[in-house]
Amino acid sequence: SYVSVTDADVATKAITAAGGQVFVEPMDIPGSGRMAIFADPAGAAF
């Protein structure tokens, strides 16, 4: 499941600061947008 954000890089900083883990660093999807994948502190991926 993906959540809309204004800036994936800013969201990454907020997620790691809150105890989340980065699975996939922010990356561009050509012609579509920018995405990243994480796990919350308990390990649930989003």
PDB file of all heavy atoms in Angstrom:
ATOM      1  N   SER A   1       0.846  -1.191   0.000  1.00  0.00           N
ATOM      2  CA  SER A   1       0.000   0.000   0.000  1.00  0.00           C
ATOM      3  C   SER A   1       0.885   1.246   0.000  1.00  0.00           C
ATOM      4  O   SER A   1       1.870   1.315   0.739  1.00  0.00           O
ATOM      5  CB  SER A   1      -0.903   0.020   1.240  1.00  0.00           C
ATOM      6  OG  SER A   1      -1.802  -1.068   1.234  1.00  0.00           O
ATOM      7  N   TYR A   2       0.529   2.235  -0.828  1.00  0.00           N
ATOM      8  CA  TYR A   2       1.296   3.468  -0.947  1.00  0.00           C
ATOM      9  C   TYR A   2       0.471   4.653  -0.452  1.00  0.00           C
ATOM     10  O   TYR A   2      -0.736   4.735  -0.705  1.00  0.00           O
ATOM     11  CB  TYR A   2       1.680   3.728  -2.406  1.00  0.00           C
ATOM     12  CG  TYR A   2       2.657   2.738  -2.977  1.00  0.00           C
ATOM     13  CD1 TYR A   2       2.227   1.485  -3.429  1.00  0.00           C
ATOM     14  CD2 TYR A   2       4.008   3.034  -3.071  1.00  0.00           C
ATOM     15  CE1 TYR A   2       3.117   0.559  -3.952  1.00  0.00           C
ATOM     16  CE2 TYR A   2       4.909   2.115  -3.596  1.00  0.00           C
ATOM     17  CZ  TYR A   2       4.459   0.884  -4.033  1.00  0.00           C
ATOM     18  OH  TYR A   2       5.347  -0.030  -4.550  1.00  0.00           O
ATOM     19  N   VAL A   3       1.159   5.588   0.209  1.00  0.00           N
ATOM     20  CA  VAL A   3       0.532   6.804   0.714  1.00  0.00           C
ATOM     21  C   VAL A   3       1.077   7.992  -0.059  1.00  0.00           C
ATOM     22  O   VAL A   3       2.295   8.103  -0.280  1.00  0.00           O
ATOM     23  CB  VAL A   3       0.808   6.977   2.223  1.00  0.00           C
ATOM     24  CG1 VAL A   3       0.175   8.269   2.743  1.00  0.00           C
ATOM     25  CG2 VAL A   3       0.265   5.778   2.999  1.00  0.00           C
ATOM     26  N   SER A   4       0.184   8.880  -0.473  1.00  0.00           N
ATOM     27  CA  SER A   4       0.584  10.063  -1.226  1.00  0.00           C
ATOM     28  C   SER A   4       1.380  11.023  -0.334  1.00  0.00           C
ATOM     29  O   SER A   4       0.997  11.290   0.811  1.00  0.00           O
ATOM     30  CB  SER A   4      -0.655  10.773  -1.768  1.00  0.00           C
ATOM     31  OG  SER A   4      -0.311  11.970  -2.440  1.00  0.00           O
ATOM     32  N   VAL A   5       2.479  11.546  -0.877  1.00  0.00           N
ATOM     33  CA  VAL A   5       3.280  12.544  -0.168  1.00  0.00           C
ATOM     34  C   VAL A   5       3.656  13.650  -1.144  1.00  0.00           C
ATOM     35  O   VAL A   5       3.679  13.456  -2.365  1.00  0.00           O
ATOM     36  CB  VAL A   5       4.563  11.937   0.450  1.00  0.00           C
ATOM     37  CG1 VAL A   5       4.208  10.920   1.525  1.00  0.00           C
ATOM     38  CG2 VAL A   5       5.459  11.315  -0.609  1.00  0.00           C
ATOM     39  N   THR A   6       3.973  14.806  -0.612  1.00  0.00           N
ATOM     40  CA  THR A   6       4.407  15.929  -1.436  1.00  0.00           C
ATOM     41  C   THR A   6       5.827  15.731  -1.932  1.00  0.00           C
ATOM     42  O   THR A   6       6.162  16.078  -3.070  1.00  0.00           O
ATOM     43  CB  THR A   6       4.305  17.238  -0.643  1.00  0.00           C
ATOM     44  OG1 THR A   6       2.956  17.421  -0.194  1.00  0.00           O
ATOM     45  CG2 THR A   6       4.711  18.426  -1.495  1.00  0.00           C
ATOM     46  N   ASP A   7       6.678  15.151  -1.070  1.00  0.00           N
ATOM     47  CA  ASP A   7       8.093  14.999  -1.381  1.00  0.00           C
ATOM     48  C   ASP A   7       8.578  13.685  -0.775  1.00  0.00           C
ATOM     49  O   ASP A   7       8.606  13.544   0.453  1.00  0.00           O
ATOM     50  CB  ASP A   7       8.873  16.184  -0.814  1.00  0.00           C
ATOM     51  CG  ASP A   7      10.331  16.216  -1.245  1.00  0.00           C
ATOM     52  OD1 ASP A   7      10.992  15.160  -1.183  1.00  0.00           O
ATOM     53  OD2 ASP A   7      10.813  17.297  -1.622  1.00  0.00           O
ATOM     54  N   ALA A   8       8.951  12.728  -1.602  1.00  0.00           N
ATOM     55  CA  ALA A   8       9.364  11.413  -1.106  1.00  0.00           C
ATOM     56  C   ALA A   8      10.645  11.489  -0.279  1.00  0.00           C
ATOM     57  O   ALA A   8      10.825  10.714   0.665  1.00  0.00           O
ATOM     58  CB  ALA A   8       9.560  10.461  -2.288  1.00  0.00           C
ATOM     59  N   ASP A   9      11.536  12.410  -0.606  1.00  0.00           N
ATOM     60  CA  ASP A   9      12.775  12.533   0.151  1.00  0.00           C
ATOM     61  C   ASP A   9      12.522  13.105   1.546  1.00  0.00           C
ATOM     62  O   ASP A   9      13.101  12.637   2.532  1.00  0.00           O
ATOM     63  CB  ASP A   9      13.762  13.407  -0.624  1.00  0.00           C
ATOM     64  CG  ASP A   9      14.147  12.797  -1.955  1.00  0.00           C
ATOM     65  OD1 ASP A   9      15.112  12.021  -2.001  1.00  0.00           O
ATOM     66  OD2 ASP A   9      13.449  13.071  -2.956  1.00  0.00           O
ATOM     67  N   VAL A  10      11.655  14.095   1.633  1.00  0.00           N
ATOM     68  CA  VAL A  10      11.284  14.640   2.946  1.00  0.00           C
ATOM     69  C   VAL A  10      10.567  13.576   3.766  1.00  0.00           C
ATOM     70  O   VAL A  10      10.801  13.430   4.970  1.00  0.00           O
ATOM     71  CB  VAL A  10      10.401  15.895   2.776  1.00  0.00           C
ATOM     72  CG1 VAL A  10       9.838  16.342   4.121  1.00  0.00           C
ATOM     73  CG2 VAL A  10      11.199  17.017   2.132  1.00  0.00           C
ATOM     74  N   ALA A  11       9.679  12.809   3.118  1.00  0.00           N
ATOM     75  CA  ALA A  11       8.969  11.738   3.824  1.00  0.00           C
ATOM     76  C   ALA A  11       9.951  10.700   4.357  1.00  0.00           C
ATOM     77  O   ALA A  11       9.776  10.174   5.461  1.00  0.00           O
ATOM     78  CB  ALA A  11       7.953  11.075   2.894  1.00  0.00           C
ATOM     79  N   THR A  12      10.998  10.401   3.588  1.00  0.00           N
ATOM     80  CA  THR A  12      11.998   9.430   4.033  1.00  0.00           C
ATOM     81  C   THR A  12      12.669   9.889   5.322  1.00  0.00           C
ATOM     82  O   THR A  12      12.879   9.092   6.249  1.00  0.00           O
ATOM     83  CB  THR A  12      13.050   9.220   2.933  1.00  0.00           C
ATOM     84  OG1 THR A  12      12.404   8.686   1.775  1.00  0.00           O
ATOM     85  CG2 THR A  12      14.135   8.258   3.382  1.00  0.00           C
ATOM     86  N   LYS A  13      13.000  11.157   5.403  1.00  0.00           N
ATOM     87  CA  LYS A  13      13.621  11.691   6.618  1.00  0.00           C
ATOM     88  C   LYS A  13      12.665  11.581   7.808  1.00  0.00           C
ATOM     89  O   LYS A  13      13.072  11.222   8.917  1.00  0.00           O
ATOM     90  CB  LYS A  13      14.036  13.139   6.398  1.00  0.00           C
ATOM     91  CG  LYS A  13      15.150  13.301   5.376  1.00  0.00           C
ATOM     92  CD  LYS A  13      15.496  14.770   5.159  1.00  0.00           C
ATOM     93  CE  LYS A  13      16.605  14.926   4.125  1.00  0.00           C
ATOM     94  NZ  LYS A  13      16.932  16.352   3.869  1.00  0.00           N
ATOM     95  N   ALA A  14      11.375  11.878   7.579  1.00  0.00           N
ATOM     96  CA  ALA A  14      10.394  11.795   8.658  1.00  0.00           C
ATOM     97  C   ALA A  14      10.205  10.355   9.115  1.00  0.00           C
ATOM     98  O   ALA A  14      10.079  10.077  10.310  1.00  0.00           O
ATOM     99  CB  ALA A  14       9.059  12.390   8.203  1.00  0.00           C
ATOM    100  N   ILE A  15      10.196   9.439   8.167  1.00  0.00           N
ATOM    101  CA  ILE A  15       9.975   8.027   8.492  1.00  0.00           C
ATOM    102  C   ILE A  15      11.151   7.458   9.271  1.00  0.00           C
ATOM    103  O   ILE A  15      10.967   6.752  10.279  1.00  0.00           O
ATOM    104  CB  ILE A  15       9.719   7.232   7.194  1.00  0.00           C
ATOM    105  CG1 ILE A  15       8.323   7.580   6.650  1.00  0.00           C
ATOM    106  CG2 ILE A  15       9.840   5.726   7.426  1.00  0.00           C
ATOM    107  CD1 ILE A  15       8.086   7.155   5.222  1.00  0.00           C
ATOM    108  N   THR A  16      12.368   7.747   8.844  1.00  0.00           N
ATOM    109  CA  THR A  16      13.527   7.234   9.575  1.00  0.00           C
ATOM    110  C   THR A  16      13.651   7.892  10.943  1.00  0.00           C
ATOM    111  O   THR A  16      14.028   7.236  11.920  1.00  0.00           O
ATOM    112  CB  THR A  16      14.813   7.435   8.761  1.00  0.00           C
ATOM    113  OG1 THR A  16      14.949   8.817   8.389  1.00  0.00           O
ATOM    114  CG2 THR A  16      14.780   6.590   7.498  1.00  0.00           C
ATOM    115  N   ALA A  17      13.290   9.174  11.041  1.00  0.00           N
ATOM    116  CA  ALA A  17      13.333   9.856  12.337  1.00  0.00           C
ATOM    117  C   ALA A  17      12.333   9.257  13.315  1.00  0.00           C
ATOM    118  O   ALA A  17      12.562   9.257  14.534  1.00  0.00           O
ATOM    119  CB  ALA A  17      13.054  11.349  12.154  1.00  0.00           C
ATOM    120  N   ALA A  18      11.231   8.718  12.796  1.00  0.00           N
ATOM    121  CA  ALA A  18      10.200   8.121  13.650  1.00  0.00           C
ATOM    122  C   ALA A  18      10.473   6.650  13.943  1.00  0.00           C
ATOM    123  O   ALA A  18       9.670   5.997  14.618  1.00  0.00           O
ATOM    124  CB  ALA A  18       8.831   8.275  12.987  1.00  0.00           C
ATOM    125  N   GLY A  19      11.579   6.118  13.445  1.00  0.00           N
ATOM    126  CA  GLY A  19      11.935   4.729  13.736  1.00  0.00           C
ATOM    127  C   GLY A  19      11.684   3.754  12.619  1.00  0.00           C
ATOM    128  O   GLY A  19      11.841   2.547  12.800  1.00  0.00           O
ATOM    129  N   GLY A  20      11.302   4.244  11.426  1.00  0.00           N
ATOM    130  CA  GLY A  20      11.069   3.366  10.287  1.00  0.00           C
ATOM    131  C   GLY A  20      12.372   2.976   9.600  1.00  0.00           C
ATOM    132  O   GLY A  20      13.427   3.574   9.830  1.00  0.00           O
ATOM    133  N   GLN A  21      12.280   1.976   8.750  1.00  0.00           N
ATOM    134  CA  GLN A  21      13.437   1.457   8.024  1.00  0.00           C
ATOM    135  C   GLN A  21      13.214   1.616   6.527  1.00  0.00           C
ATOM    136  O   GLN A  21      12.105   1.384   6.032  1.00  0.00           O
ATOM    137  CB  GLN A  21      13.651  -0.021   8.355  1.00  0.00           C
ATOM    138  CG  GLN A  21      14.789  -0.686   7.607  1.00  0.00           C
ATOM    139  CD  GLN A  21      14.894  -2.172   7.911  1.00  0.00           C
ATOM    140  OE1 GLN A  21      14.172  -2.691   8.750  1.00  0.00           O
ATOM    141  NE2 GLN A  21      15.784  -2.861   7.210  1.00  0.00           N
ATOM    142  N   VAL A  22      14.254   2.014   5.804  1.00  0.00           N
ATOM    143  CA  VAL A  22      14.161   2.177   4.360  1.00  0.00           C
ATOM    144  C   VAL A  22      14.427   0.844   3.673  1.00  0.00           C
ATOM    145  O   VAL A  22      15.489   0.245   3.859  1.00  0.00           O
ATOM    146  CB  VAL A  22      15.158   3.231   3.849  1.00  0.00           C
ATOM    147  CG1 VAL A  22      15.030   3.382   2.332  1.00  0.00           C
ATOM    148  CG2 VAL A  22      14.938   4.567   4.540  1.00  0.00           C
ATOM    149  N   PHE A  23      13.488   0.371   2.891  1.00  0.00           N
ATOM    150  CA  PHE A  23      13.678  -0.816   2.062  1.00  0.00           C
ATOM    151  C   PHE A  23      14.147  -0.431   0.658  1.00  0.00           C
ATOM    152  O   PHE A  23      15.044  -1.054   0.098  1.00  0.00           O
ATOM    153  CB  PHE A  23      12.389  -1.624   1.965  1.00  0.00           C
ATOM    154  CG  PHE A  23      12.086  -2.487   3.156  1.00  0.00           C
ATOM    155  CD1 PHE A  23      10.864  -3.135   3.262  1.00  0.00           C
ATOM    156  CD2 PHE A  23      13.010  -2.668   4.176  1.00  0.00           C
ATOM    157  CE1 PHE A  23      10.569  -3.950   4.356  1.00  0.00           C
ATOM    158  CE2 PHE A  23      12.732  -3.473   5.272  1.00  0.00           C
ATOM    159  CZ  PHE A  23      11.512  -4.121   5.358  1.00  0.00           C
ATOM    160  N   VAL A  24      13.488   0.572   0.070  1.00  0.00           N
ATOM    161  CA  VAL A  24      13.857   1.079  -1.250  1.00  0.00           C
ATOM    162  C   VAL A  24      13.964   2.590  -1.153  1.00  0.00           C
ATOM    163  O   VAL A  24      12.990   3.264  -0.819  1.00  0.00           O
ATOM    164  CB  VAL A  24      12.814   0.687  -2.323  1.00  0.00           C
ATOM    165  CG1 VAL A  24      13.195   1.279  -3.674  1.00  0.00           C
ATOM    166  CG2 VAL A  24      12.668  -0.818  -2.417  1.00  0.00           C
ATOM    167  N   GLU A  25      15.156   3.113  -1.414  1.00  0.00           N
ATOM    168  CA  GLU A  25      15.376   4.564  -1.362  1.00  0.00           C
ATOM    169  C   GLU A  25      14.506   5.265  -2.405  1.00  0.00           C
ATOM    170  O   GLU A  25      14.128   4.671  -3.423  1.00  0.00           O
ATOM    171  CB  GLU A  25      16.844   4.871  -1.625  1.00  0.00           C
ATOM    172  CG  GLU A  25      17.799   4.373  -0.553  1.00  0.00           C
ATOM    173  CD  GLU A  25      17.842   5.265   0.671  1.00  0.00           C
ATOM    174  OE1 GLU A  25      17.186   6.328   0.656  1.00  0.00           O
ATOM    175  OE2 GLU A  25      18.537   4.894   1.638  1.00  0.00           O
ATOM    176  N   PRO A  26      14.187   6.548  -2.163  1.00  0.00           N
ATOM    177  CA  PRO A  26      13.392   7.281  -3.162  1.00  0.00           C
ATOM    178  C   PRO A  26      14.002   7.175  -4.554  1.00  0.00           C
ATOM    179  O   PRO A  26      15.206   7.347  -4.744  1.00  0.00           O
ATOM    180  CB  PRO A  26      13.432   8.718  -2.639  1.00  0.00           C
ATOM    181  CG  PRO A  26      13.577   8.569  -1.158  1.00  0.00           C
ATOM    182  CD  PRO A  26      14.471   7.376  -0.974  1.00  0.00           C
ATOM    183  N   MET A  27      13.150   6.854  -5.519  1.00  0.00           N
ATOM    184  CA  MET A  27      13.609   6.687  -6.897  1.00  0.00           C
ATOM    185  C   MET A  27      12.548   7.195  -7.858  1.00  0.00           C
ATOM    186  O   MET A  27      11.341   7.136  -7.578  1.00  0.00           O
ATOM    187  CB  MET A  27      13.927   5.221  -7.192  1.00  0.00           C
ATOM    188  CG  MET A  27      12.750   4.284  -7.030  1.00  0.00           C
ATOM    189  SD  MET A  27      13.162   2.535  -7.335  1.00  0.00           S
ATOM    190  CE  MET A  27      13.438   2.577  -9.106  1.00  0.00           C
ATOM    191  N   ASP A  28      13.007   7.719  -8.972  1.00  0.00           N
ATOM    192  CA  ASP A  28      12.092   8.227  -9.987  1.00  0.00           C
ATOM    193  C   ASP A  28      11.534   7.087 -10.830  1.00  0.00           C
ATOM    194  O   ASP A  28      12.258   6.158 -11.205  1.00  0.00           O
ATOM    195  CB  ASP A  28      12.811   9.215 -10.909  1.00  0.00           C
ATOM    196  CG  ASP A  28      13.158  10.518 -10.213  1.00  0.00           C
ATOM    197  OD1 ASP A  28      12.386  10.940  -9.340  1.00  0.00           O
ATOM    198  OD2 ASP A  28      14.208  11.109 -10.544  1.00  0.00           O
ATOM    199  N   ILE A  29      10.261   7.173 -11.126  1.00  0.00           N
ATOM    200  CA  ILE A  29       9.609   6.302 -12.096  1.00  0.00           C
ATOM    201  C   ILE A  29       9.340   7.180 -13.313  1.00  0.00           C
ATOM    202  O   ILE A  29       8.477   8.061 -13.262  1.00  0.00           O
ATOM    203  CB  ILE A  29       8.298   5.705 -11.543  1.00  0.00           C
ATOM    204  CG1 ILE A  29       8.539   5.031 -10.190  1.00  0.00           C
ATOM    205  CG2 ILE A  29       7.704   4.745 -12.554  1.00  0.00           C
ATOM    206  CD1 ILE A  29       9.534   3.883 -10.230  1.00  0.00           C
ATOM    207  N   PRO A  30      10.088   7.000 -14.391  1.00  0.00           N
ATOM    208  CA  PRO A  30      10.023   7.926 -15.525  1.00  0.00           C
ATOM    209  C   PRO A  30       8.599   8.187 -16.006  1.00  0.00           C
ATOM    210  O   PRO A  30       7.822   7.265 -16.240  1.00  0.00           O
ATOM    211  CB  PRO A  30      10.847   7.214 -16.608  1.00  0.00           C
ATOM    212  CG  PRO A  30      11.821   6.369 -15.839  1.00  0.00           C
ATOM    213  CD  PRO A  30      11.046   5.904 -14.637  1.00  0.00           C
ATOM    214  N   GLY A  31       8.284   9.464 -16.101  1.00  0.00           N
ATOM    215  CA  GLY A  31       6.987   9.867 -16.606  1.00  0.00           C
ATOM    216  C   GLY A  31       5.831   9.659 -15.658  1.00  0.00           C
ATOM    217  O   GLY A  31       4.679   9.890 -16.026  1.00  0.00           O
ATOM    218  N   SER A  32       6.119   9.220 -14.428  1.00  0.00           N
ATOM    219  CA  SER A  32       5.029   8.891 -13.506  1.00  0.00           C
ATOM    220  C   SER A  32       5.125   9.628 -12.175  1.00  0.00           C
ATOM    221  O   SER A  32       4.175  10.259 -11.726  1.00  0.00           O
ATOM    222  CB  SER A  32       5.004   7.379 -13.241  1.00  0.00           C
ATOM    223  OG  SER A  32       4.757   6.667 -14.434  1.00  0.00           O
ATOM    224  N   GLY A  33       6.276   9.528 -11.502  1.00  0.00           N
ATOM    225  CA  GLY A  33       6.416  10.134 -10.190  1.00  0.00           C
ATOM    226  C   GLY A  33       7.655   9.621  -9.480  1.00  0.00           C
ATOM    227  O   GLY A  33       8.630   9.205 -10.126  1.00  0.00           O
ATOM    228  N   ARG A  34       7.617   9.614  -8.172  1.00  0.00           N
ATOM    229  CA  ARG A  34       8.767   9.220  -7.366  1.00  0.00           C
ATOM    230  C   ARG A  34       8.255   8.384  -6.200  1.00  0.00           C
ATOM    231  O   ARG A  34       7.266   8.748  -5.550  1.00  0.00           O
ATOM    232  CB  ARG A  34       9.495  10.460  -6.869  1.00  0.00           C
ATOM    233  CG  ARG A  34      10.860  10.228  -6.214  1.00  0.00           C
ATOM    234  CD  ARG A  34      11.616  11.544  -6.137  1.00  0.00           C
ATOM    235  NE  ARG A  34      12.827  11.466  -5.348  1.00  0.00           N
ATOM    236  CZ  ARG A  34      13.991  10.976  -5.776  1.00  0.00           C
ATOM    237  NH1 ARG A  34      14.077  10.525  -7.013  1.00  0.00           N
ATOM    238  NH2 ARG A  34      15.052  10.960  -4.992  1.00  0.00           N
ATOM    239  N   MET A  35       8.910   7.263  -5.919  1.00  0.00           N
ATOM    240  CA  MET A  35       8.422   6.344  -4.902  1.00  0.00           C
ATOM    241  C   MET A  35       9.543   5.892  -3.984  1.00  0.00           C
ATOM    242  O   MET A  35      10.729   6.057  -4.281  1.00  0.00           O
ATOM    243  CB  MET A  35       7.759   5.125  -5.546  1.00  0.00           C
ATOM    244  CG  MET A  35       8.645   4.332  -6.507  1.00  0.00           C
ATOM    245  SD  MET A  35       9.775   3.122  -5.750  1.00  0.00           S
ATOM    246  CE  MET A  35       8.589   1.902  -5.175  1.00  0.00           C
ATOM    247  N   ALA A  36       9.142   5.317  -2.856  1.00  0.00           N
ATOM    248  CA  ALA A  36      10.067   4.681  -1.922  1.00  0.00           C
ATOM    249  C   ALA A  36       9.267   3.677  -1.103  1.00  0.00           C
ATOM    250  O   ALA A  36       8.037   3.790  -0.985  1.00  0.00           O
ATOM    251  CB  ALA A  36      10.728   5.709  -1.005  1.00  0.00           C
ATOM    252  N   ILE A  37       9.957   2.695  -0.545  1.00  0.00           N
ATOM    253  CA  ILE A  37       9.300   1.665   0.268  1.00  0.00           C
ATOM    254  C   ILE A  37      10.022   1.552   1.597  1.00  0.00           C
ATOM    255  O   ILE A  37      11.265   1.610   1.667  1.00  0.00           O
ATOM    256  CB  ILE A  37       9.277   0.309  -0.460  1.00  0.00           C
ATOM    257  CG1 ILE A  37       8.473   0.431  -1.754  1.00  0.00           C
ATOM    258  CG2 ILE A  37       8.666  -0.775   0.428  1.00  0.00           C
ATOM    259  CD1 ILE A  37       8.427  -0.842  -2.580  1.00  0.00           C
ATOM    260  N   PHE A  38       9.242   1.376   2.654  1.00  0.00           N
ATOM    261  CA  PHE A  38       9.760   1.367   4.013  1.00  0.00           C
ATOM    262  C   PHE A  38       9.129   0.239   4.827  1.00  0.00           C
ATOM    263  O   PHE A  38       8.220  -0.453   4.363  1.00  0.00           O
ATOM    264  CB  PHE A  38       9.424   2.693   4.710  1.00  0.00           C
ATOM    265  CG  PHE A  38       9.774   3.901   3.908  1.00  0.00           C
ATOM    266  CD1 PHE A  38       8.846   4.491   3.064  1.00  0.00           C
ATOM    267  CD2 PHE A  38      11.043   4.460   3.979  1.00  0.00           C
ATOM    268  CE1 PHE A  38       9.171   5.614   2.312  1.00  0.00           C
ATOM    269  CE2 PHE A  38      11.377   5.566   3.238  1.00  0.00           C
ATOM    270  CZ  PHE A  38      10.436   6.153   2.398  1.00  0.00           C
ATOM    271  N   ALA A  39       9.595   0.101   6.052  1.00  0.00           N
ATOM    272  CA  ALA A  39       8.928  -0.705   7.064  1.00  0.00           C
ATOM    273  C   ALA A  39       8.734   0.168   8.287  1.00  0.00           C
ATOM    274  O   ALA A  39       9.601   0.992   8.627  1.00  0.00           O
ATOM    275  CB  ALA A  39       9.753  -1.936   7.433  1.00  0.00           C
ATOM    276  N   ASP A  40       7.587   0.033   8.926  1.00  0.00           N
ATOM    277  CA  ASP A  40       7.379   0.756  10.180  1.00  0.00           C
ATOM    278  C   ASP A  40       8.203   0.090  11.284  1.00  0.00           C
ATOM    279  O   ASP A  40       8.848  -0.941  11.044  1.00  0.00           O
ATOM    280  CB  ASP A  40       5.891   0.873  10.509  1.00  0.00           C
ATOM    281  CG  ASP A  40       5.215  -0.451  10.857  1.00  0.00           C
ATOM    282  OD1 ASP A  40       5.929  -1.415  11.208  1.00  0.00           O
ATOM    283  OD2 ASP A  40       3.975  -0.505  10.794  1.00  0.00           O
ATOM    284  N   PRO A  41       8.239   0.641  12.500  1.00  0.00           N
ATOM    285  CA  PRO A  41       9.110   0.072  13.533  1.00  0.00           C
ATOM    286  C   PRO A  41       8.843  -1.394  13.862  1.00  0.00           C
ATOM    287  O   PRO A  41       9.745  -2.090  14.347  1.00  0.00           O
ATOM    288  CB  PRO A  41       8.832   0.974  14.749  1.00  0.00           C
ATOM    289  CG  PRO A  41       8.476   2.292  14.147  1.00  0.00           C
ATOM    290  CD  PRO A  41       7.667   1.938  12.934  1.00  0.00           C
ATOM    291  N   ALA A  42       7.620  -1.889  13.597  1.00  0.00           N
ATOM    292  CA  ALA A  42       7.314  -3.301  13.857  1.00  0.00           C
ATOM    293  C   ALA A  42       7.612  -4.189  12.658  1.00  0.00           C
ATOM    294  O   ALA A  42       7.515  -5.413  12.760  1.00  0.00           O
ATOM    295  CB  ALA A  42       5.848  -3.453  14.264  1.00  0.00           C
ATOM    296  N   GLY A  43       7.947  -3.587  11.508  1.00  0.00           N
ATOM    297  CA  GLY A  43       8.312  -4.369  10.336  1.00  0.00           C
ATOM    298  C   GLY A  43       7.290  -4.417   9.225  1.00  0.00           C
ATOM    299  O   GLY A  43       7.528  -5.074   8.211  1.00  0.00           O
ATOM    300  N   ALA A  44       6.130  -3.755   9.369  1.00  0.00           N
ATOM    301  CA  ALA A  44       5.112  -3.765   8.307  1.00  0.00           C
ATOM    302  C   ALA A  44       5.555  -2.858   7.162  1.00  0.00           C
ATOM    303  O   ALA A  44       5.855  -1.678   7.370  1.00  0.00           O
ATOM    304  CB  ALA A  44       3.764  -3.294   8.858  1.00  0.00           C
ATOM    305  N   ALA A  45       5.584  -3.407   5.948  1.00  0.00           N
ATOM    306  CA  ALA A  45       6.059  -2.663   4.786  1.00  0.00           C
ATOM    307  C   ALA A  45       4.951  -1.796   4.191  1.00  0.00           C
ATOM    308  O   ALA A  45       3.779  -2.185   4.157  1.00  0.00           O
ATOM    309  CB  ALA A  45       6.591  -3.622   3.727  1.00  0.00           C
ATOM    310  N   PHE A  46       5.347  -0.621   3.707  1.00  0.00           N
ATOM    311  CA  PHE A  46       4.434   0.277   3.007  1.00  0.00           C
ATOM    312  C   PHE A  46       5.267   1.173   2.102  1.00  0.00           C
ATOM    313  O   PHE A  46       6.501   1.246   2.225  1.00  0.00           O
ATOM    314  CB  PHE A  46       3.616   1.123   3.990  1.00  0.00           C
ATOM    315  CG  PHE A  46       4.442   2.116   4.777  1.00  0.00           C
ATOM    316  CD1 PHE A  46       4.541   3.442   4.382  1.00  0.00           C
ATOM    317  CD2 PHE A  46       5.142   1.714   5.909  1.00  0.00           C
ATOM    318  CE1 PHE A  46       5.316   4.354   5.093  1.00  0.00           C
ATOM    319  CE2 PHE A  46       5.912   2.613   6.635  1.00  0.00           C
ATOM    320  CZ  PHE A  46       6.006   3.935   6.227  1.00  0.00           C
TER     321      PHE A  46
END
